[in-house]
Structure formats: C-alpha cells, structure tokens
N, C-alpha and C. Protein backbone atom coordinates (compact mmCIF):
# COMPACT_ATOMS: atom_id res chain seq x y z
N MET A 1 120.86 98.83 131.40
CA MET A 1 119.63 99.21 131.01
C MET A 1 119.92 98.26 129.66
N GLY A 2 120.53 98.60 128.77
CA GLY A 2 120.81 98.33 127.44
C GLY A 2 121.01 96.81 127.31
N PHE A 3 121.74 96.50 128.50
CA PHE A 3 121.99 94.89 128.49
C PHE A 3 120.93 94.17 128.67
N MET A 4 119.80 94.53 129.56
CA MET A 4 118.30 93.88 130.20
C MET A 4 117.71 93.88 128.81
N MET A 5 117.43 94.83 128.49
CA MET A 5 116.57 95.13 126.81
C MET A 5 116.93 94.02 126.22
N GLY A 6 118.57 94.31 125.81
CA GLY A 6 118.76 93.40 124.37
C GLY A 6 118.51 91.77 125.14
N TYR A 7 118.45 91.20 126.28
CA TYR A 7 118.77 90.15 126.67
C TYR A 7 117.37 89.88 126.25
N ALA A 8 116.43 90.64 126.80
CA ALA A 8 114.67 90.35 126.64
C ALA A 8 114.52 89.71 124.82
N VAL A 9 115.28 90.83 124.55
CA VAL A 9 114.81 90.97 122.69
C VAL A 9 115.64 89.35 122.19
N GLY A 10 116.71 89.33 122.51
CA GLY A 10 117.47 88.03 122.48
C GLY A 10 116.83 86.73 122.49
N MET A 11 116.30 86.62 123.71
CA MET A 11 115.68 85.67 124.18
C MET A 11 114.42 85.21 123.16
N ALA A 12 113.62 86.54 123.11
CA ALA A 12 112.50 86.35 122.36
C ALA A 12 112.75 85.78 120.65
N ALA A 13 113.88 86.41 120.22
CA ALA A 13 114.20 85.60 119.07
C ALA A 13 114.93 84.30 118.92
N GLY A 14 115.40 83.72 120.05
CA GLY A 14 116.04 82.62 120.04
C GLY A 14 115.00 81.60 120.56
N VAL A 15 114.00 82.29 121.01
CA VAL A 15 112.77 81.18 121.13
C VAL A 15 112.32 80.80 119.47
N LEU A 16 111.75 81.90 119.43
CA LEU A 16 111.18 81.73 117.67
C LEU A 16 112.13 81.24 116.50
N LEU A 17 113.15 81.64 116.78
CA LEU A 17 114.29 81.34 115.50
C LEU A 17 114.67 79.44 116.05
N GLY A 18 114.82 79.21 117.03
CA GLY A 18 115.64 78.02 117.74
C GLY A 18 114.59 76.76 117.97
N SER A 19 113.34 77.51 118.01
CA SER A 19 112.37 76.60 117.73
C SER A 19 112.00 75.99 116.54
N PHE A 20 111.65 76.82 115.71
CA PHE A 20 111.73 76.33 114.08
C PHE A 20 112.67 75.65 113.95
N PHE A 21 114.00 76.04 113.85
CA PHE A 21 115.20 74.67 113.34
C PHE A 21 114.83 73.68 113.63
N LEU A 22 114.95 74.01 115.25
CA LEU A 22 115.47 72.48 115.81
C LEU A 22 114.14 71.70 115.80
N LEU A 23 112.70 71.74 115.71
CA LEU A 23 111.59 71.03 114.81
C LEU A 23 111.61 70.67 113.51
N ARG A 24 112.27 71.77 112.79
CA ARG A 24 112.24 71.10 111.18
C ARG A 24 113.71 69.92 111.52
N VAL A 25 114.58 70.14 112.26
CA VAL A 25 115.78 69.03 111.76
C VAL A 25 114.81 68.02 112.47
N GLY A 26 114.28 68.01 113.36
CA GLY A 26 113.48 66.61 113.71
C GLY A 26 113.64 66.44 115.54
N MET A 27 114.08 67.54 115.90
CA MET A 27 114.62 66.88 117.81
C MET A 27 112.87 67.04 118.04
N TRP A 28 112.36 66.20 119.37
CA TRP A 28 111.34 66.35 119.93
C TRP A 28 111.77 66.08 121.28
N GLY A 29 111.02 66.11 122.25
CA GLY A 29 110.90 66.18 123.29
C GLY A 29 112.04 66.58 124.23
N TRP A 30 112.78 66.05 125.14
CA TRP A 30 113.83 66.58 126.02
C TRP A 30 114.79 67.09 125.43
N GLU A 31 115.34 66.65 124.06
CA GLU A 31 116.33 67.17 123.19
C GLU A 31 115.77 68.49 122.81
N LEU A 32 114.51 68.99 122.50
CA LEU A 32 114.15 69.65 121.86
C LEU A 32 114.33 70.66 123.19
N MET A 33 113.66 70.88 124.01
CA MET A 33 113.81 71.36 124.73
C MET A 33 115.29 72.04 125.69
N GLY A 34 116.23 71.28 125.53
CA GLY A 34 117.92 71.51 125.45
C GLY A 34 118.38 72.48 124.67
N GLY A 35 117.70 72.06 123.36
CA GLY A 35 118.21 72.70 121.96
C GLY A 35 117.61 74.52 122.60
N ILE A 36 116.34 74.76 122.90
CA ILE A 36 115.76 75.87 122.74
C ILE A 36 116.49 76.44 123.89
N ARG A 37 116.88 75.76 124.95
CA ARG A 37 117.34 76.68 125.74
C ARG A 37 118.69 77.14 125.64
N LYS A 38 119.58 76.19 125.00
CA LYS A 38 120.87 76.58 124.56
C LYS A 38 120.86 77.95 123.45
N THR A 39 119.82 77.72 122.58
CA THR A 39 119.63 78.92 121.63
C THR A 39 118.95 80.03 122.50
N ILE A 40 118.27 79.81 123.41
CA ILE A 40 117.71 81.05 123.97
C ILE A 40 118.95 81.79 124.89
N MET A 41 119.60 80.65 125.51
CA MET A 41 121.24 81.93 125.98
C MET A 41 122.00 82.17 124.82
N GLN A 42 122.26 81.47 123.75
CA GLN A 42 123.27 82.16 123.10
C GLN A 42 122.84 83.12 122.13
N SER A 43 121.68 83.09 121.73
CA SER A 43 121.36 84.89 121.56
C SER A 43 120.66 85.83 122.48
N GLY A 44 120.51 85.36 123.30
CA GLY A 44 120.29 86.37 124.28
C GLY A 44 121.75 87.61 124.89
N GLY A 45 122.39 86.37 125.45
CA GLY A 45 123.91 86.91 125.14
C GLY A 45 124.48 87.78 124.07
N ILE A 46 124.53 87.37 123.02
CA ILE A 46 125.02 87.94 121.56
C ILE A 46 124.50 89.53 121.51
N PHE A 47 122.95 89.28 121.34
CA PHE A 47 122.16 90.42 121.40
C PHE A 47 122.39 91.29 122.08
N SER A 48 122.29 91.11 123.65
CA SER A 48 122.54 91.92 124.55
C SER A 48 123.81 92.50 125.03
N THR A 49 124.43 91.64 124.55
CA THR A 49 126.17 92.59 124.19
C THR A 49 126.26 93.55 123.51
N PHE A 50 125.75 93.07 122.17
CA PHE A 50 125.42 94.35 121.41
C PHE A 50 125.02 95.56 121.41
N THR A 51 124.10 95.22 122.16
CA THR A 51 122.91 96.41 122.58
C THR A 51 123.47 97.11 123.41
N ALA A 52 124.36 97.09 124.71
CA ALA A 52 124.80 97.20 125.67
C ALA A 52 125.89 98.02 125.40
N ILE A 53 126.54 97.69 123.96
CA ILE A 53 127.93 98.30 123.49
C ILE A 53 126.89 99.61 122.66
N ARG A 54 126.34 99.29 122.09
CA ARG A 54 125.72 100.75 121.65
C ARG A 54 124.76 101.49 122.53
N MET A 55 124.29 100.89 123.58
CA MET A 55 123.90 102.00 124.95
C MET A 55 125.05 102.72 125.31
N GLY A 56 126.36 102.21 125.42
CA GLY A 56 127.13 103.01 126.03
C GLY A 56 128.26 104.00 125.05
N ILE A 57 127.96 103.60 123.68
CA ILE A 57 128.20 104.49 122.72
C ILE A 57 128.01 105.51 122.55
N GLN A 58 126.24 105.38 122.91
CA GLN A 58 125.14 106.71 122.46
C GLN A 58 125.25 107.69 123.62
N TYR A 59 125.53 107.15 124.72
CA TYR A 59 125.41 107.93 125.63
C TYR A 59 126.90 108.19 126.80
C-alpha cells in the first residue's frame, strides 16, 4: 500500500517539477514528452521506495 501511494505522489511531483525544469531548459514536442516521462518514472520510483520502507518500519 505504501509503495502505490508513494508512486502516485512521486508521479505528481515528477510532472510538476519535471515539466517546469524541461520547459525552462527549452525542450519542446516529443523531446519534452520523453523527458517528462523519464522524470515521472524516476521520481515515482524513488518516492515510492522511501514510502514503502517507512510503512514497513511503522508497522
């Protein structure tokens, strides 16, 4: 449960922060979509791992 919840929160953070950063760098079109996709997967994976560990320690 913690993994899924963490992944959803990480994906939302990845969309917001990734799109802001990539637009600032100057990416457009398919390059932007690929960069956002990569950022979503990375932030979702990292945040979900830490949330799952936290839930495991808590219970």
